[in-house]
N, C-alpha and C. Protein backbone atom coordinates (compact mmCIF):
# COMPACT_ATOMS: atom_id res chain seq x y z
N MET A 1 0.85 -1.16 0.01
CA MET A 1 0.00 0.00 0.00
C MET A 1 0.89 1.24 0.00
N ILE A 2 0.57 2.20 -0.87
CA ILE A 2 1.28 3.49 -0.85
C ILE A 2 0.29 4.59 -0.48
N GLU A 3 0.82 5.67 0.02
CA GLU A 3 0.02 6.83 0.41
C GLU A 3 0.24 7.91 -0.65
N ILE A 4 -0.85 8.39 -1.26
CA ILE A 4 -0.74 9.38 -2.31
C ILE A 4 -1.42 10.67 -1.84
N HIS A 5 -0.65 11.75 -1.83
CA HIS A 5 -1.16 13.08 -1.45
C HIS A 5 -1.40 13.87 -2.74
N LEU A 6 -2.62 14.35 -2.90
CA LEU A 6 -2.99 15.10 -4.09
C LEU A 6 -3.15 16.58 -3.73
N TYR A 7 -2.65 17.44 -4.61
CA TYR A 7 -2.66 18.87 -4.36
C TYR A 7 -3.35 19.61 -5.50
N GLY A 8 -3.82 20.83 -5.18
CA GLY A 8 -4.44 21.68 -6.19
C GLY A 8 -5.61 21.00 -6.88
N LYS A 9 -5.70 21.16 -8.18
CA LYS A 9 -6.81 20.63 -8.96
C LYS A 9 -6.89 19.12 -8.94
N LEU A 10 -5.79 18.46 -8.57
CA LEU A 10 -5.79 16.98 -8.53
C LEU A 10 -6.55 16.44 -7.34
N ARG A 11 -6.89 17.30 -6.40
CA ARG A 11 -7.63 16.87 -5.20
C ARG A 11 -8.95 16.21 -5.56
N ARG A 12 -9.50 16.56 -6.72
CA ARG A 12 -10.81 16.00 -7.11
C ARG A 12 -10.73 14.48 -7.34
N PHE A 13 -9.55 13.93 -7.48
CA PHE A 13 -9.38 12.49 -7.67
C PHE A 13 -9.33 11.73 -6.34
N ALA A 14 -9.38 12.46 -5.23
CA ALA A 14 -9.36 11.83 -3.89
C ALA A 14 -10.78 11.42 -3.52
N ASN A 15 -10.86 10.44 -2.65
CA ASN A 15 -12.18 10.00 -2.16
C ASN A 15 -12.83 11.08 -1.33
N GLU A 16 -12.06 11.79 -0.53
CA GLU A 16 -12.55 12.85 0.35
C GLU A 16 -12.18 14.19 -0.29
N GLN A 17 -13.18 14.94 -0.76
CA GLN A 17 -12.92 16.18 -1.47
C GLN A 17 -13.21 17.41 -0.65
N ASP A 18 -13.46 17.29 0.61
CA ASP A 18 -13.70 18.40 1.48
C ASP A 18 -12.46 19.34 1.47
N PRO A 19 -12.67 20.65 1.33
CA PRO A 19 -11.53 21.58 1.27
C PRO A 19 -10.59 21.51 2.49
N THR A 20 -11.12 21.04 3.60
CA THR A 20 -10.29 20.96 4.81
C THR A 20 -9.61 19.60 4.96
N SER A 21 -9.89 18.68 4.04
CA SER A 21 -9.28 17.35 4.13
C SER A 21 -7.88 17.36 3.53
N ASP A 22 -7.14 16.29 3.77
CA ASP A 22 -5.78 16.18 3.24
C ASP A 22 -5.71 15.63 1.83
N SER A 23 -6.82 15.13 1.29
CA SER A 23 -6.87 14.56 -0.07
C SER A 23 -5.79 13.47 -0.26
N VAL A 24 -5.92 12.45 0.57
CA VAL A 24 -4.95 11.36 0.58
C VAL A 24 -5.63 10.07 0.12
N LEU A 25 -4.96 9.36 -0.76
CA LEU A 25 -5.42 8.04 -1.18
C LEU A 25 -4.47 6.97 -0.66
N HIS A 26 -5.00 5.82 -0.35
CA HIS A 26 -4.19 4.66 0.01
C HIS A 26 -4.43 3.62 -1.07
N VAL A 27 -3.38 3.33 -1.83
CA VAL A 27 -3.52 2.49 -3.01
C VAL A 27 -2.59 1.27 -2.89
N PRO A 28 -3.13 0.08 -3.14
CA PRO A 28 -2.26 -1.10 -3.14
C PRO A 28 -1.31 -1.03 -4.34
N VAL A 29 -0.13 -1.55 -4.16
CA VAL A 29 0.87 -1.52 -5.22
C VAL A 29 1.36 -2.92 -5.50
N GLU A 30 1.59 -3.18 -6.80
CA GLU A 30 2.11 -4.48 -7.22
C GLU A 30 3.57 -4.32 -7.56
N GLY A 31 4.34 -5.38 -7.42
CA GLY A 31 5.76 -5.32 -7.72
C GLY A 31 6.07 -4.82 -9.13
N GLY A 32 7.02 -3.92 -9.23
CA GLY A 32 7.45 -3.40 -10.51
C GLY A 32 6.65 -2.22 -11.05
N GLU A 33 5.62 -1.79 -10.32
CA GLU A 33 4.84 -0.65 -10.82
C GLU A 33 5.63 0.65 -10.69
N THR A 34 5.40 1.56 -11.64
CA THR A 34 6.04 2.86 -11.63
C THR A 34 5.03 3.92 -11.19
N ILE A 35 5.53 5.11 -10.96
CA ILE A 35 4.63 6.23 -10.62
C ILE A 35 3.63 6.43 -11.74
N GLU A 36 4.07 6.32 -12.99
CA GLU A 36 3.16 6.48 -14.11
C GLU A 36 2.02 5.43 -14.08
N ASP A 37 2.35 4.20 -13.75
CA ASP A 37 1.34 3.15 -13.63
C ASP A 37 0.28 3.53 -12.58
N ILE A 38 0.74 4.02 -11.45
CA ILE A 38 -0.17 4.40 -10.35
C ILE A 38 -1.04 5.58 -10.76
N VAL A 39 -0.44 6.60 -11.39
CA VAL A 39 -1.19 7.78 -11.85
C VAL A 39 -2.28 7.36 -12.81
N ARG A 40 -1.93 6.49 -13.73
CA ARG A 40 -2.90 6.00 -14.72
C ARG A 40 -4.03 5.23 -14.02
N ARG A 41 -3.66 4.39 -13.05
CA ARG A 41 -4.63 3.58 -12.35
C ARG A 41 -5.64 4.41 -11.54
N ILE A 42 -5.21 5.52 -10.95
CA ILE A 42 -6.17 6.34 -10.20
C ILE A 42 -6.92 7.32 -11.06
N GLY A 43 -6.60 7.34 -12.38
CA GLY A 43 -7.39 8.10 -13.31
C GLY A 43 -7.00 9.53 -13.57
N ILE A 44 -5.80 9.92 -13.20
CA ILE A 44 -5.35 11.30 -13.45
C ILE A 44 -4.83 11.38 -14.89
N PRO A 45 -5.43 12.24 -15.74
CA PRO A 45 -4.94 12.38 -17.11
C PRO A 45 -3.52 12.97 -17.09
N ARG A 46 -2.64 12.44 -17.92
CA ARG A 46 -1.25 12.84 -17.96
C ARG A 46 -1.11 14.37 -18.18
N GLU A 47 -1.96 14.97 -18.98
CA GLU A 47 -1.86 16.39 -19.27
C GLU A 47 -2.19 17.28 -18.06
N GLU A 48 -2.82 16.72 -17.06
CA GLU A 48 -3.12 17.49 -15.84
C GLU A 48 -2.03 17.40 -14.79
N LEU A 49 -1.13 16.47 -14.94
CA LEU A 49 -0.08 16.26 -13.97
C LEU A 49 1.10 17.16 -14.29
N GLY A 50 1.63 17.84 -13.28
CA GLY A 50 2.80 18.70 -13.48
C GLY A 50 4.09 17.93 -13.38
N ARG A 51 5.20 18.66 -13.39
CA ARG A 51 6.51 18.04 -13.27
C ARG A 51 6.92 17.82 -11.84
N ASN A 52 6.16 18.39 -10.90
CA ASN A 52 6.51 18.28 -9.48
C ASN A 52 5.86 17.02 -8.91
N ILE A 53 6.65 15.94 -8.97
CA ILE A 53 6.21 14.64 -8.48
C ILE A 53 7.22 14.23 -7.42
N PHE A 54 6.74 13.99 -6.21
CA PHE A 54 7.62 13.66 -5.09
C PHE A 54 7.36 12.24 -4.62
N LEU A 55 8.42 11.46 -4.54
CA LEU A 55 8.34 10.12 -3.96
C LEU A 55 9.23 10.11 -2.73
N ASN A 56 8.63 9.92 -1.59
CA ASN A 56 9.37 9.94 -0.30
C ASN A 56 10.20 11.20 -0.15
N GLY A 57 9.62 12.34 -0.54
CA GLY A 57 10.28 13.65 -0.37
C GLY A 57 11.31 14.01 -1.41
N GLN A 58 11.47 13.19 -2.46
CA GLN A 58 12.45 13.47 -3.51
C GLN A 58 11.71 13.71 -4.84
N ILE A 59 12.13 14.75 -5.56
CA ILE A 59 11.55 14.97 -6.87
C ILE A 59 11.87 13.76 -7.75
N SER A 60 10.85 13.24 -8.42
CA SER A 60 11.02 11.99 -9.15
C SER A 60 10.40 12.07 -10.54
N THR A 61 10.81 11.15 -11.38
CA THR A 61 10.22 11.02 -12.72
C THR A 61 9.09 9.99 -12.65
N LEU A 62 8.27 10.00 -13.68
CA LEU A 62 7.17 9.04 -13.77
C LEU A 62 7.67 7.61 -13.89
N SER A 63 8.88 7.42 -14.34
CA SER A 63 9.41 6.08 -14.55
C SER A 63 9.95 5.42 -13.28
N ARG A 64 9.99 6.16 -12.20
CA ARG A 64 10.54 5.62 -10.94
C ARG A 64 9.59 4.57 -10.36
N LYS A 65 10.15 3.49 -9.90
CA LYS A 65 9.35 2.39 -9.32
C LYS A 65 8.92 2.73 -7.90
N VAL A 66 7.71 2.26 -7.57
CA VAL A 66 7.18 2.44 -6.22
C VAL A 66 7.16 1.09 -5.51
N LYS A 67 7.17 1.19 -4.19
CA LYS A 67 7.11 -0.06 -3.39
C LYS A 67 6.21 0.18 -2.19
N ASP A 68 5.80 -0.89 -1.60
CA ASP A 68 4.92 -0.85 -0.45
C ASP A 68 5.51 0.09 0.63
N GLY A 69 4.67 0.97 1.18
CA GLY A 69 5.10 1.90 2.20
C GLY A 69 5.56 3.25 1.71
N ASP A 70 5.66 3.43 0.38
CA ASP A 70 6.11 4.71 -0.19
C ASP A 70 5.04 5.78 0.01
N ARG A 71 5.48 7.02 -0.04
CA ARG A 71 4.58 8.17 0.02
C ARG A 71 4.81 9.02 -1.23
N LEU A 72 3.73 9.25 -1.96
CA LEU A 72 3.80 9.96 -3.25
C LEU A 72 3.04 11.26 -3.14
N GLY A 73 3.63 12.34 -3.62
CA GLY A 73 2.96 13.66 -3.68
C GLY A 73 2.84 14.08 -5.13
N LEU A 74 1.62 14.41 -5.55
CA LEU A 74 1.37 14.78 -6.95
C LEU A 74 0.77 16.20 -7.02
N PHE A 75 1.36 17.02 -7.88
CA PHE A 75 0.92 18.40 -8.07
C PHE A 75 0.46 18.58 -9.51
N PRO A 76 -0.54 19.43 -9.74
CA PRO A 76 -0.99 19.70 -11.11
C PRO A 76 0.00 20.59 -11.86
N TRP A 77 -0.18 20.68 -13.15
CA TRP A 77 0.73 21.45 -13.99
C TRP A 77 0.79 22.93 -13.61
N ASP A 78 -0.30 23.46 -13.03
CA ASP A 78 -0.32 24.89 -12.71
C ASP A 78 0.22 25.23 -11.30
N MET A 79 0.82 24.26 -10.65
CA MET A 79 1.48 24.52 -9.35
C MET A 79 2.96 24.17 -9.50
N SER A 80 3.74 25.14 -9.89
CA SER A 80 5.16 24.90 -10.14
C SER A 80 6.00 25.17 -8.89
N LEU A 81 7.07 24.42 -8.79
CA LEU A 81 8.03 24.58 -7.70
C LEU A 81 9.07 25.60 -8.12
N LEU A 82 9.22 26.68 -7.34
CA LEU A 82 10.25 27.66 -7.65
C LEU A 82 11.61 27.06 -7.38
N TYR A 83 12.56 27.38 -8.22
CA TYR A 83 13.95 26.93 -8.08
C TYR A 83 14.08 25.42 -8.18
N ARG A 84 13.22 24.80 -8.95
CA ARG A 84 13.23 23.35 -9.13
C ARG A 84 14.58 22.84 -9.62
N GLN A 85 15.27 23.66 -10.40
CA GLN A 85 16.53 23.25 -10.98
C GLN A 85 17.60 22.96 -9.93
N TYR A 86 17.40 23.39 -8.70
CA TYR A 86 18.39 23.15 -7.66
C TYR A 86 18.19 21.82 -6.92
N PHE A 87 17.10 21.12 -7.23
CA PHE A 87 16.81 19.85 -6.58
C PHE A 87 17.18 18.71 -7.52
N PRO A 88 17.88 17.69 -7.04
CA PRO A 88 18.18 16.54 -7.88
C PRO A 88 16.91 15.75 -8.20
N VAL A 89 16.84 15.26 -9.43
CA VAL A 89 15.71 14.45 -9.84
C VAL A 89 16.09 12.97 -9.71
N HIS A 90 15.24 12.19 -9.09
CA HIS A 90 15.51 10.77 -8.90
C HIS A 90 14.68 9.95 -9.88
N GLU A 91 15.34 9.01 -10.53
CA GLU A 91 14.63 8.19 -11.52
C GLU A 91 14.48 6.77 -11.05
């Protein structure tokens, strides 16, 4: 099971859409799945997802593999991280 935190416009894909909620999903994960596989499975269109994807606090690419116990943070395209170029990207 992984914990997925949704931000901005992506919050609508969470089960709990109350503005005061954390918009967190708990999703089972199968061996070898990538962030892209998970995003596709929960129904977020690729064009709505931004470049700011965090896996366990690290900026990551969609091709990075997830495992049980991971924490994933997803931001929409219109929520950019300032100074992103200073953070290493993990694949």
